[in-house]
N, C-alpha and C. Protein backbone atom coordinates (compact mmCIF):
# COMPACT_ATOMS: atom_id res chain seq x y z
N MET A 1 58.18 -82.03 60.73
CA MET A 1 58.10 -82.66 59.80
C MET A 1 56.92 -83.88 59.61
N GLN A 2 55.93 -83.91 58.55
CA GLN A 2 54.99 -84.76 58.91
C GLN A 2 55.17 -86.27 57.94
N ARG A 3 56.45 -86.33 57.02
CA ARG A 3 56.41 -87.35 56.20
C ARG A 3 57.32 -88.35 57.02
N LEU A 4 56.94 -89.16 57.19
CA LEU A 4 57.45 -90.43 58.16
C LEU A 4 56.86 -91.74 57.69
N ALA A 5 57.76 -92.70 57.36
CA ALA A 5 57.19 -94.31 57.53
C ALA A 5 57.63 -95.02 58.14
N ILE A 6 56.81 -95.95 58.46
CA ILE A 6 57.24 -96.87 58.91
C ILE A 6 56.58 -98.64 58.81
N LEU A 7 57.96 -99.31 58.41
CA LEU A 7 57.74 -100.56 57.03
C LEU A 7 57.33 -101.69 58.44
N ASN A 8 55.96 -102.27 58.94
CA ASN A 8 55.27 -102.93 59.26
C ASN A 8 55.41 -103.69 58.58
N GLY A 9 55.45 -105.63 59.00
CA GLY A 9 55.96 -106.46 58.63
C GLY A 9 56.98 -107.28 57.66
N GLY A 10 58.00 -106.52 58.02
CA GLY A 10 58.92 -107.05 57.22
C GLY A 10 59.25 -106.98 55.62
N MET A 11 60.01 -107.91 55.52
CA MET A 11 60.47 -108.75 53.82
C MET A 11 59.17 -109.44 53.45
N THR A 12 58.31 -109.96 54.88
CA THR A 12 57.22 -110.73 53.72
C THR A 12 56.01 -109.65 53.62
N ALA A 13 56.02 -108.82 54.48
CA ALA A 13 55.02 -107.94 53.90
C ALA A 13 54.98 -106.86 52.77
N TRP A 14 56.70 -106.56 52.25
CA TRP A 14 57.27 -106.18 51.30
C TRP A 14 56.64 -107.02 50.24
N GLN A 15 57.09 -108.06 50.53
CA GLN A 15 56.93 -108.84 49.03
C GLN A 15 55.02 -109.39 48.99
N ALA A 16 54.45 -109.41 49.92
CA ALA A 16 52.95 -109.70 49.15
C ALA A 16 52.67 -108.44 49.19
N ALA A 17 53.29 -106.84 48.73
CA ALA A 17 52.63 -105.85 48.59
C ALA A 17 52.96 -106.07 47.15
N ALA A 18 53.85 -106.98 46.70
CA ALA A 18 54.17 -106.61 45.25
C ALA A 18 55.85 -105.22 45.19
N LEU A 19 56.11 -105.37 46.06
CA LEU A 19 56.73 -104.02 45.65
C LEU A 19 58.31 -104.87 45.33
N PRO A 20 58.85 -103.53 44.67
CA PRO A 20 60.37 -104.00 44.00
C PRO A 20 61.84 -104.40 45.28
N LEU A 21 62.02 -105.57 44.34
CA LEU A 21 63.41 -106.00 45.30
C LEU A 21 64.22 -105.79 44.12
N THR A 22 65.79 -105.74 44.58
CA THR A 22 66.89 -105.80 44.10
C THR A 22 68.00 -106.04 44.84
N ARG A 23 69.01 -106.86 44.31
CA ARG A 23 70.23 -107.04 44.70
C ARG A 23 71.48 -106.15 44.56
N GLN A 24 70.78 -104.65 44.27
CA GLN A 24 72.15 -103.79 43.86
C GLN A 24 71.94 -103.02 44.98
N PRO A 25 73.36 -102.60 46.08
CA PRO A 25 73.39 -101.48 46.92
C PRO A 25 73.02 -100.35 46.76
N THR A 26 72.07 -99.50 47.60
CA THR A 26 71.58 -98.58 47.69
C THR A 26 72.48 -97.28 48.37
N PRO A 27 72.38 -96.20 47.28
CA PRO A 27 73.14 -95.21 47.98
C PRO A 27 73.41 -95.29 49.45
N ALA A 28 74.12 -94.54 50.05
CA ALA A 28 74.48 -94.36 50.98
C ALA A 28 73.11 -93.41 51.86
N PRO A 29 72.98 -93.43 52.78
CA PRO A 29 71.41 -92.44 52.99
C PRO A 29 72.17 -90.76 53.34
N THR A 30 71.44 -89.81 53.11
CA THR A 30 71.68 -88.73 53.11
C THR A 30 71.18 -88.21 54.88
N PRO A 31 72.06 -87.90 55.90
CA PRO A 31 71.32 -87.31 57.13
C PRO A 31 70.14 -86.48 56.88
N SER A 32 69.60 -86.47 57.94
CA SER A 32 68.32 -85.89 58.02
C SER A 32 68.79 -84.58 59.41
N ALA A 33 67.72 -83.91 59.35
CA ALA A 33 67.87 -82.58 60.61
C ALA A 33 66.69 -83.27 61.24
N PHE A 34 66.56 -84.20 61.77
CA PHE A 34 65.03 -84.57 62.07
C PHE A 34 65.13 -84.14 63.35
N THR A 35 64.21 -83.77 64.11
CA THR A 35 63.98 -83.21 65.77
C THR A 35 62.52 -83.66 65.81
N PRO A 36 62.69 -84.78 66.22
CA PRO A 36 60.85 -85.51 67.03
C PRO A 36 60.51 -84.55 68.37
N GLN A 37 59.14 -84.45 67.83
CA GLN A 37 58.37 -83.75 68.84
C GLN A 37 56.88 -84.25 68.85
N LEU A 38 56.81 -84.19 70.44
CA LEU A 38 55.55 -84.49 71.13
C LEU A 38 54.36 -84.52 70.58
N ASP A 39 53.32 -84.74 69.99
CA ASP A 39 51.85 -84.14 69.47
C ASP A 39 50.84 -84.59 71.06
N ASP A 40 50.94 -83.23 71.81
CA ASP A 40 50.26 -83.79 72.70
C ASP A 40 48.71 -84.15 72.47
N ALA A 41 48.15 -83.84 70.93
CA ALA A 41 47.29 -84.62 70.43
C ALA A 41 46.65 -85.59 70.99
N LEU A 42 47.98 -86.46 70.76
CA LEU A 42 47.94 -88.06 70.83
C LEU A 42 48.12 -88.67 72.46
N LEU A 43 47.54 -87.80 73.48
CA LEU A 43 47.84 -87.47 74.70
C LEU A 43 46.74 -87.72 75.46
N ALA A 44 46.47 -88.88 76.23
CA ALA A 44 44.95 -88.73 76.96
C ALA A 44 45.41 -88.55 78.76
N THR A 45 44.88 -87.46 78.90
CA THR A 45 44.66 -86.81 80.52
C THR A 45 43.97 -88.00 81.31
N ARG A 46 44.81 -88.13 82.53
CA ARG A 46 43.72 -88.57 83.60
C ARG A 46 42.07 -88.74 83.58
N PRO A 47 41.97 -87.02 83.61
CA PRO A 47 40.27 -86.76 83.49
C PRO A 47 40.08 -87.27 82.15
N GLU A 48 40.25 -87.37 80.95
CA GLU A 48 39.93 -87.86 79.65
C GLU A 48 39.51 -89.27 79.59
N VAL A 49 40.37 -89.96 80.40
CA VAL A 49 40.46 -91.67 80.54
C VAL A 49 39.35 -91.59 81.79
N ALA A 50 39.38 -91.36 82.65
CA ALA A 50 38.59 -91.46 83.63
C ALA A 50 36.91 -91.21 83.18
N HIS A 51 37.16 -90.38 82.37
CA HIS A 51 35.52 -89.77 81.35
C HIS A 51 34.96 -90.94 80.93
N ASP A 52 35.52 -91.20 79.85
CA ASP A 52 35.79 -92.05 78.55
C ASP A 52 35.24 -93.67 79.32
N LEU A 53 36.30 -93.84 80.37
CA LEU A 53 35.56 -95.42 81.01
C LEU A 53 34.52 -95.41 81.22
N GLY A 54 33.35 -94.39 81.43
CA GLY A 54 32.17 -94.68 81.17
C GLY A 54 31.32 -94.56 80.08
N HIS A 55 31.95 -94.81 79.05
CA HIS A 55 30.90 -94.98 77.95
C HIS A 55 31.39 -96.41 77.95
N PRO A 56 29.92 -97.41 77.63
CA PRO A 56 29.98 -99.10 77.52
C PRO A 56 31.32 -98.77 75.79
N SER A 57 31.66 -98.26 74.90
CA SER A 57 32.32 -98.52 74.08
C SER A 57 33.83 -98.33 74.25
N THR A 58 34.50 -98.08 75.67
CA THR A 58 35.83 -97.57 76.00
C THR A 58 36.04 -99.38 76.06
N LEU A 59 37.55 -99.39 75.72
CA LEU A 59 38.35 -100.59 75.89
C LEU A 59 39.60 -99.93 76.83
N LEU A 60 39.71 -100.34 77.85
CA LEU A 60 41.49 -99.77 78.39
C LEU A 60 42.08 -101.06 77.98
N LEU A 61 43.08 -101.25 77.84
CA LEU A 61 44.31 -101.96 77.22
C LEU A 61 45.04 -101.50 78.13
N ASP A 62 45.90 -102.67 78.41
CA ASP A 62 47.44 -102.43 78.66
C ASP A 62 47.97 -103.54 78.13
N ALA A 63 48.87 -102.88 77.24
CA ALA A 63 49.68 -103.60 76.36
C ALA A 63 51.11 -104.02 76.74
N ARG A 64 51.10 -104.04 77.94
CA ARG A 64 52.54 -104.46 78.62
C ARG A 64 52.86 -106.27 78.35
N PRO A 65 53.56 -106.79 78.38
CA PRO A 65 53.57 -108.07 78.64
C PRO A 65 53.29 -108.37 79.94
N ARG A 66 52.58 -109.79 79.93
CA ARG A 66 52.10 -110.15 80.54
C ARG A 66 52.55 -110.63 82.46
N ALA A 67 53.64 -110.72 82.46
CA ALA A 67 54.89 -110.57 83.48
C ALA A 67 55.04 -109.01 84.06
N PHE A 68 54.67 -108.43 82.90
CA PHE A 68 54.45 -106.44 83.56
C PHE A 68 53.23 -106.49 84.16
N TYR A 69 52.38 -106.69 84.04
CA TYR A 69 50.89 -105.97 85.05
C TYR A 69 50.78 -106.61 85.87
N PRO A 70 51.45 -107.70 86.54
CA PRO A 70 51.25 -107.71 88.14
C PRO A 70 52.46 -107.49 88.78
N GLY A 71 53.51 -106.68 88.10
CA GLY A 71 54.59 -106.63 88.54
C GLY A 71 55.53 -107.69 89.00
N ARG A 72 55.75 -108.67 88.29
CA ARG A 72 56.40 -109.92 88.60
C ARG A 72 57.46 -109.34 87.49
N GLU A 73 57.75 -108.38 86.72
CA GLU A 73 59.20 -107.87 86.44
C GLU A 73 58.47 -107.00 85.55
N LYS A 74 59.83 -106.08 85.24
CA LYS A 74 59.68 -104.92 85.24
C LYS A 74 60.83 -104.55 83.94
N ALA A 75 60.46 -103.46 83.24
CA ALA A 75 61.06 -102.79 81.90
C ALA A 75 62.43 -102.20 82.33
N PRO A 76 63.51 -102.77 81.88
CA PRO A 76 64.50 -101.97 81.94
C PRO A 76 64.75 -100.33 82.45
N ALA A 77 63.65 -99.79 81.42
CA ALA A 77 63.91 -98.43 81.56
C ALA A 77 63.08 -97.89 82.70
N ASN A 78 62.52 -98.73 83.59
CA ASN A 78 61.71 -97.82 84.81
C ASN A 78 62.59 -98.18 85.82
N SER A 79 62.74 -96.69 86.66
CA SER A 79 63.44 -96.74 87.63
C SER A 79 63.02 -97.24 89.25
N ARG A 80 61.48 -97.60 89.12
CA ARG A 80 61.13 -98.45 90.11
C ARG A 80 60.06 -99.07 89.91
């Protein structure tokens, strides 16, 4: 299934895009049988990253919160 949408920006972005608003309740959603599947094309292997670090246009970015980077805090999902 390739039809997926994520609303970024919340109500502010919705209104800024001049999308329709209503106070009428919407019908209950119909459950789907969506099964997520990992797309290996979106993953970078260690050798790929090591190779790309040699290119001047490559930026390695750690997007974790600042306290996670030096190990002062850990995400609850981390086992150790």
